[in-house]
Amino acid sequence: MLAGMCLQAGERERGLELTAHSVAMQPEDYGVLYNAACFYSNAGELERALQVLDRAVATGRGYRRWMENDSDLDRFRGDPRFKEIMARLPP
């Protein structure tokens, strides 16, 4: 969450550092991975966002209805890779 605040404050590089650190500390934690995907999306790092979102869903967790409506994911909603990730979630 602090990374997102950094991004809003114009401290993109600091946000990237914090996000990378969080993912490195808890590489299998759904919440960390999902929030990292949202941060990367907002930072314009769409490839990284999709990679981390894929890892988040691979943990066996994920909330389809939330992800379908989360505006943080709007930037790549039309991407076929996003559709593939969503297809792995239960209805």
N, C-alpha and C. Protein backbone atom coordinates (compact mmCIF):
# COMPACT_ATOMS: atom_id res chain seq x y z
N MET A 1 0.82 -1.19 0.00
CA MET A 1 0.00 0.00 0.00
C MET A 1 0.87 1.26 0.00
N LEU A 2 1.99 1.19 0.70
CA LEU A 2 2.90 2.33 0.73
C LEU A 2 3.43 2.61 -0.67
N ALA A 3 3.67 1.57 -1.44
CA ALA A 3 4.16 1.75 -2.81
C ALA A 3 3.16 2.56 -3.62
N GLY A 4 1.89 2.27 -3.47
CA GLY A 4 0.85 3.02 -4.17
C GLY A 4 0.83 4.47 -3.76
N MET A 5 1.05 4.73 -2.48
CA MET A 5 1.11 6.11 -2.00
C MET A 5 2.31 6.82 -2.60
N CYS A 6 3.43 6.11 -2.70
CA CYS A 6 4.62 6.70 -3.32
C CYS A 6 4.33 7.06 -4.77
N LEU A 7 3.66 6.18 -5.47
CA LEU A 7 3.33 6.44 -6.87
C LEU A 7 2.47 7.69 -6.98
N GLN A 8 1.48 7.80 -6.12
CA GLN A 8 0.60 8.98 -6.13
C GLN A 8 1.37 10.26 -5.82
N ALA A 9 2.41 10.14 -5.02
CA ALA A 9 3.21 11.30 -4.63
C ALA A 9 4.31 11.62 -5.64
N GLY A 10 4.35 10.87 -6.75
CA GLY A 10 5.36 11.12 -7.77
C GLY A 10 6.68 10.43 -7.51
N GLU A 11 6.70 9.50 -6.57
CA GLU A 11 7.93 8.77 -6.25
C GLU A 11 7.85 7.35 -6.81
N ARG A 12 7.73 7.27 -8.13
CA ARG A 12 7.54 5.99 -8.82
C ARG A 12 8.65 4.99 -8.52
N GLU A 13 9.90 5.44 -8.60
CA GLU A 13 11.03 4.52 -8.38
C GLU A 13 11.00 3.93 -6.97
N ARG A 14 10.67 4.74 -5.99
CA ARG A 14 10.58 4.25 -4.61
C ARG A 14 9.45 3.22 -4.52
N GLY A 15 8.34 3.48 -5.18
CA GLY A 15 7.24 2.53 -5.19
C GLY A 15 7.64 1.21 -5.83
N LEU A 16 8.39 1.30 -6.92
CA LEU A 16 8.87 0.07 -7.57
C LEU A 16 9.78 -0.72 -6.64
N GLU A 17 10.65 -0.03 -5.93
CA GLU A 17 11.56 -0.69 -4.98
C GLU A 17 10.77 -1.38 -3.87
N LEU A 18 9.80 -0.67 -3.31
CA LEU A 18 9.01 -1.24 -2.22
C LEU A 18 8.22 -2.46 -2.68
N THR A 19 7.67 -2.38 -3.88
CA THR A 19 6.89 -3.50 -4.41
C THR A 19 7.78 -4.71 -4.64
N ALA A 20 8.93 -4.50 -5.25
CA ALA A 20 9.86 -5.60 -5.49
C ALA A 20 10.30 -6.23 -4.16
N HIS A 21 10.54 -5.41 -3.17
CA HIS A 21 10.95 -5.91 -1.86
C HIS A 21 9.83 -6.75 -1.23
N SER A 22 8.60 -6.27 -1.30
CA SER A 22 7.46 -7.00 -0.74
C SER A 22 7.29 -8.36 -1.39
N VAL A 23 7.39 -8.39 -2.72
CA VAL A 23 7.25 -9.65 -3.45
C VAL A 23 8.40 -10.60 -3.10
N ALA A 24 9.61 -10.06 -2.96
CA ALA A 24 10.76 -10.89 -2.60
C ALA A 24 10.60 -11.48 -1.20
N MET A 25 10.01 -10.71 -0.30
CA MET A 25 9.84 -11.17 1.08
C MET A 25 8.74 -12.23 1.21
N GLN A 26 7.68 -12.11 0.40
CA GLN A 26 6.57 -13.05 0.47
C GLN A 26 6.13 -13.45 -0.94
N PRO A 27 6.96 -14.22 -1.63
CA PRO A 27 6.71 -14.52 -3.05
C PRO A 27 5.52 -15.42 -3.33
N GLU A 28 4.93 -16.01 -2.32
CA GLU A 28 3.79 -16.91 -2.52
C GLU A 28 2.52 -16.38 -1.87
N ASP A 29 2.56 -15.18 -1.34
CA ASP A 29 1.41 -14.62 -0.63
C ASP A 29 0.45 -13.96 -1.62
N TYR A 30 -0.78 -14.48 -1.68
CA TYR A 30 -1.75 -13.96 -2.64
C TYR A 30 -1.95 -12.46 -2.49
N GLY A 31 -2.15 -11.99 -1.29
CA GLY A 31 -2.42 -10.57 -1.06
C GLY A 31 -1.29 -9.68 -1.52
N VAL A 32 -0.06 -10.08 -1.22
CA VAL A 32 1.11 -9.30 -1.66
C VAL A 32 1.18 -9.30 -3.18
N LEU A 33 1.00 -10.45 -3.79
CA LEU A 33 1.09 -10.55 -5.24
C LEU A 33 -0.02 -9.77 -5.93
N TYR A 34 -1.23 -9.86 -5.42
CA TYR A 34 -2.35 -9.14 -6.03
C TYR A 34 -2.12 -7.63 -5.94
N ASN A 35 -1.73 -7.16 -4.77
CA ASN A 35 -1.48 -5.73 -4.61
C ASN A 35 -0.30 -5.27 -5.45
N ALA A 36 0.70 -6.13 -5.63
CA ALA A 36 1.82 -5.79 -6.50
C ALA A 36 1.33 -5.66 -7.94
N ALA A 37 0.46 -6.56 -8.37
CA ALA A 37 -0.09 -6.48 -9.73
C ALA A 37 -0.84 -5.16 -9.92
N CYS A 38 -1.60 -4.76 -8.92
CA CYS A 38 -2.33 -3.49 -9.00
C CYS A 38 -1.35 -2.32 -9.07
N PHE A 39 -0.31 -2.36 -8.25
CA PHE A 39 0.68 -1.29 -8.29
C PHE A 39 1.34 -1.22 -9.66
N TYR A 40 1.81 -2.36 -10.16
CA TYR A 40 2.50 -2.36 -11.46
C TYR A 40 1.58 -1.86 -12.57
N SER A 41 0.32 -2.23 -12.51
CA SER A 41 -0.63 -1.74 -13.51
C SER A 41 -0.71 -0.21 -13.45
N ASN A 42 -0.88 0.32 -12.27
CA ASN A 42 -0.98 1.77 -12.11
C ASN A 42 0.30 2.49 -12.47
N ALA A 43 1.42 1.80 -12.34
CA ALA A 43 2.72 2.39 -12.68
C ALA A 43 3.03 2.26 -14.17
N GLY A 44 2.13 1.62 -14.93
CA GLY A 44 2.35 1.45 -16.36
C GLY A 44 3.24 0.28 -16.71
N GLU A 45 3.51 -0.58 -15.74
CA GLU A 45 4.35 -1.76 -15.93
C GLU A 45 3.42 -2.96 -16.20
N LEU A 46 2.77 -2.95 -17.36
CA LEU A 46 1.72 -3.92 -17.62
C LEU A 46 2.22 -5.35 -17.72
N GLU A 47 3.37 -5.55 -18.30
CA GLU A 47 3.92 -6.91 -18.39
C GLU A 47 4.19 -7.47 -17.00
N ARG A 48 4.81 -6.67 -16.16
CA ARG A 48 5.07 -7.11 -14.78
C ARG A 48 3.77 -7.34 -14.03
N ALA A 49 2.80 -6.48 -14.26
CA ALA A 49 1.50 -6.63 -13.59
C ALA A 49 0.86 -7.97 -13.94
N LEU A 50 0.87 -8.32 -15.20
CA LEU A 50 0.27 -9.59 -15.63
C LEU A 50 1.05 -10.77 -15.08
N GLN A 51 2.36 -10.68 -15.05
CA GLN A 51 3.18 -11.78 -14.51
C GLN A 51 2.86 -12.02 -13.04
N VAL A 52 2.76 -10.94 -12.28
CA VAL A 52 2.51 -11.07 -10.85
C VAL A 52 1.06 -11.50 -10.59
N LEU A 53 0.13 -11.00 -11.38
CA LEU A 53 -1.26 -11.42 -11.24
C LEU A 53 -1.39 -12.92 -11.54
N ASP A 54 -0.67 -13.39 -12.54
CA ASP A 54 -0.66 -14.81 -12.86
C ASP A 54 -0.15 -15.62 -11.67
N ARG A 55 0.90 -15.14 -11.04
CA ARG A 55 1.45 -15.82 -9.86
C ARG A 55 0.44 -15.80 -8.71
N ALA A 56 -0.27 -14.68 -8.55
CA ALA A 56 -1.26 -14.58 -7.48
C ALA A 56 -2.35 -15.63 -7.66
N VAL A 57 -2.87 -15.75 -8.86
CA VAL A 57 -3.93 -16.72 -9.14
C VAL A 57 -3.40 -18.14 -9.01
N ALA A 58 -2.13 -18.35 -9.33
CA ALA A 58 -1.53 -19.68 -9.22
C ALA A 58 -1.44 -20.16 -7.78
N THR A 59 -1.60 -19.27 -6.82
CA THR A 59 -1.61 -19.69 -5.41
C THR A 59 -2.89 -20.45 -5.06
N GLY A 60 -3.85 -20.44 -5.98
CA GLY A 60 -5.11 -21.13 -5.73
C GLY A 60 -6.17 -20.22 -5.14
N ARG A 61 -5.82 -18.96 -5.00
CA ARG A 61 -6.78 -17.99 -4.48
C ARG A 61 -7.12 -17.01 -5.59
N GLY A 62 -8.04 -16.17 -5.32
CA GLY A 62 -8.45 -15.18 -6.29
C GLY A 62 -9.95 -15.03 -6.27
N TYR A 63 -10.39 -13.84 -6.47
CA TYR A 63 -11.81 -13.53 -6.37
C TYR A 63 -12.27 -12.92 -7.69
N ARG A 64 -12.89 -13.76 -8.48
CA ARG A 64 -13.31 -13.35 -9.83
C ARG A 64 -14.11 -12.06 -9.81
N ARG A 65 -15.13 -11.98 -8.99
CA ARG A 65 -15.99 -10.79 -9.00
C ARG A 65 -15.20 -9.53 -8.64
N TRP A 66 -14.28 -9.66 -7.70
CA TRP A 66 -13.45 -8.51 -7.32
C TRP A 66 -12.59 -8.10 -8.51
N MET A 67 -11.93 -9.07 -9.11
CA MET A 67 -11.01 -8.78 -10.21
C MET A 67 -11.74 -8.24 -11.44
N GLU A 68 -12.96 -8.69 -11.65
CA GLU A 68 -13.74 -8.20 -12.78
C GLU A 68 -14.10 -6.72 -12.63
N ASN A 69 -14.08 -6.23 -11.41
CA ASN A 69 -14.50 -4.85 -11.15
C ASN A 69 -13.41 -3.95 -10.60
N ASP A 70 -12.24 -4.48 -10.37
CA ASP A 70 -11.15 -3.68 -9.79
C ASP A 70 -10.58 -2.74 -10.86
N SER A 71 -10.76 -1.45 -10.67
CA SER A 71 -10.30 -0.47 -11.67
C SER A 71 -8.78 -0.48 -11.84
N ASP A 72 -8.05 -1.01 -10.86
CA ASP A 72 -6.59 -1.10 -11.00
C ASP A 72 -6.20 -2.04 -12.14
N LEU A 73 -7.09 -2.90 -12.54
CA LEU A 73 -6.79 -3.87 -13.59
C LEU A 73 -7.33 -3.45 -14.96
N ASP A 74 -7.96 -2.30 -15.04
CA ASP A 74 -8.57 -1.85 -16.29
C ASP A 74 -7.58 -1.73 -17.44
N ARG A 75 -6.34 -1.39 -17.15
CA ARG A 75 -5.35 -1.12 -18.20
C ARG A 75 -5.06 -2.32 -19.10
N PHE A 76 -5.27 -3.52 -18.58
CA PHE A 76 -4.99 -4.70 -19.42
C PHE A 76 -6.17 -5.66 -19.50
N ARG A 77 -7.34 -5.17 -19.18
CA ARG A 77 -8.52 -6.01 -19.19
C ARG A 77 -8.77 -6.68 -20.55
N GLY A 78 -8.44 -6.01 -21.65
CA GLY A 78 -8.65 -6.58 -22.98
C GLY A 78 -7.53 -7.49 -23.45
N ASP A 79 -6.46 -7.59 -22.68
CA ASP A 79 -5.30 -8.41 -23.05
C ASP A 79 -5.68 -9.90 -22.95
N PRO A 80 -5.35 -10.68 -23.97
CA PRO A 80 -5.69 -12.11 -23.94
C PRO A 80 -5.09 -12.83 -22.73
N ARG A 81 -3.93 -12.38 -22.26
CA ARG A 81 -3.32 -13.03 -21.10
C ARG A 81 -4.17 -12.80 -19.85
N PHE A 82 -4.76 -11.62 -19.72
CA PHE A 82 -5.65 -11.35 -18.59
C PHE A 82 -6.86 -12.28 -18.66
N LYS A 83 -7.39 -12.45 -19.84
CA LYS A 83 -8.55 -13.33 -20.01
C LYS A 83 -8.19 -14.78 -19.65
N GLU A 84 -6.98 -15.20 -19.97
CA GLU A 84 -6.53 -16.55 -19.62
C GLU A 84 -6.41 -16.70 -18.10
N ILE A 85 -5.89 -15.67 -17.45
CA ILE A 85 -5.78 -15.71 -15.99
C ILE A 85 -7.16 -15.79 -15.38
N MET A 86 -8.08 -14.97 -15.86
CA MET A 86 -9.44 -14.96 -15.32
C MET A 86 -10.14 -16.29 -15.54
N ALA A 87 -9.85 -16.94 -16.65
CA ALA A 87 -10.49 -18.22 -16.97
C ALA A 87 -10.11 -19.31 -15.95
N ARG A 88 -9.00 -19.12 -15.26
CA ARG A 88 -8.58 -20.11 -14.27
C ARG A 88 -9.29 -19.95 -12.92
N LEU A 89 -10.04 -18.87 -12.77
CA LEU A 89 -10.75 -18.63 -11.51
C LEU A 89 -12.12 -19.28 -11.54
N PRO A 90 -12.59 -19.77 -10.41
CA PRO A 90 -13.95 -20.32 -10.38
C PRO A 90 -14.98 -19.20 -10.59
N PRO A 91 -16.12 -19.55 -11.16
CA PRO A 91 -17.16 -18.54 -11.41
C PRO A 91 -17.72 -17.92 -10.13
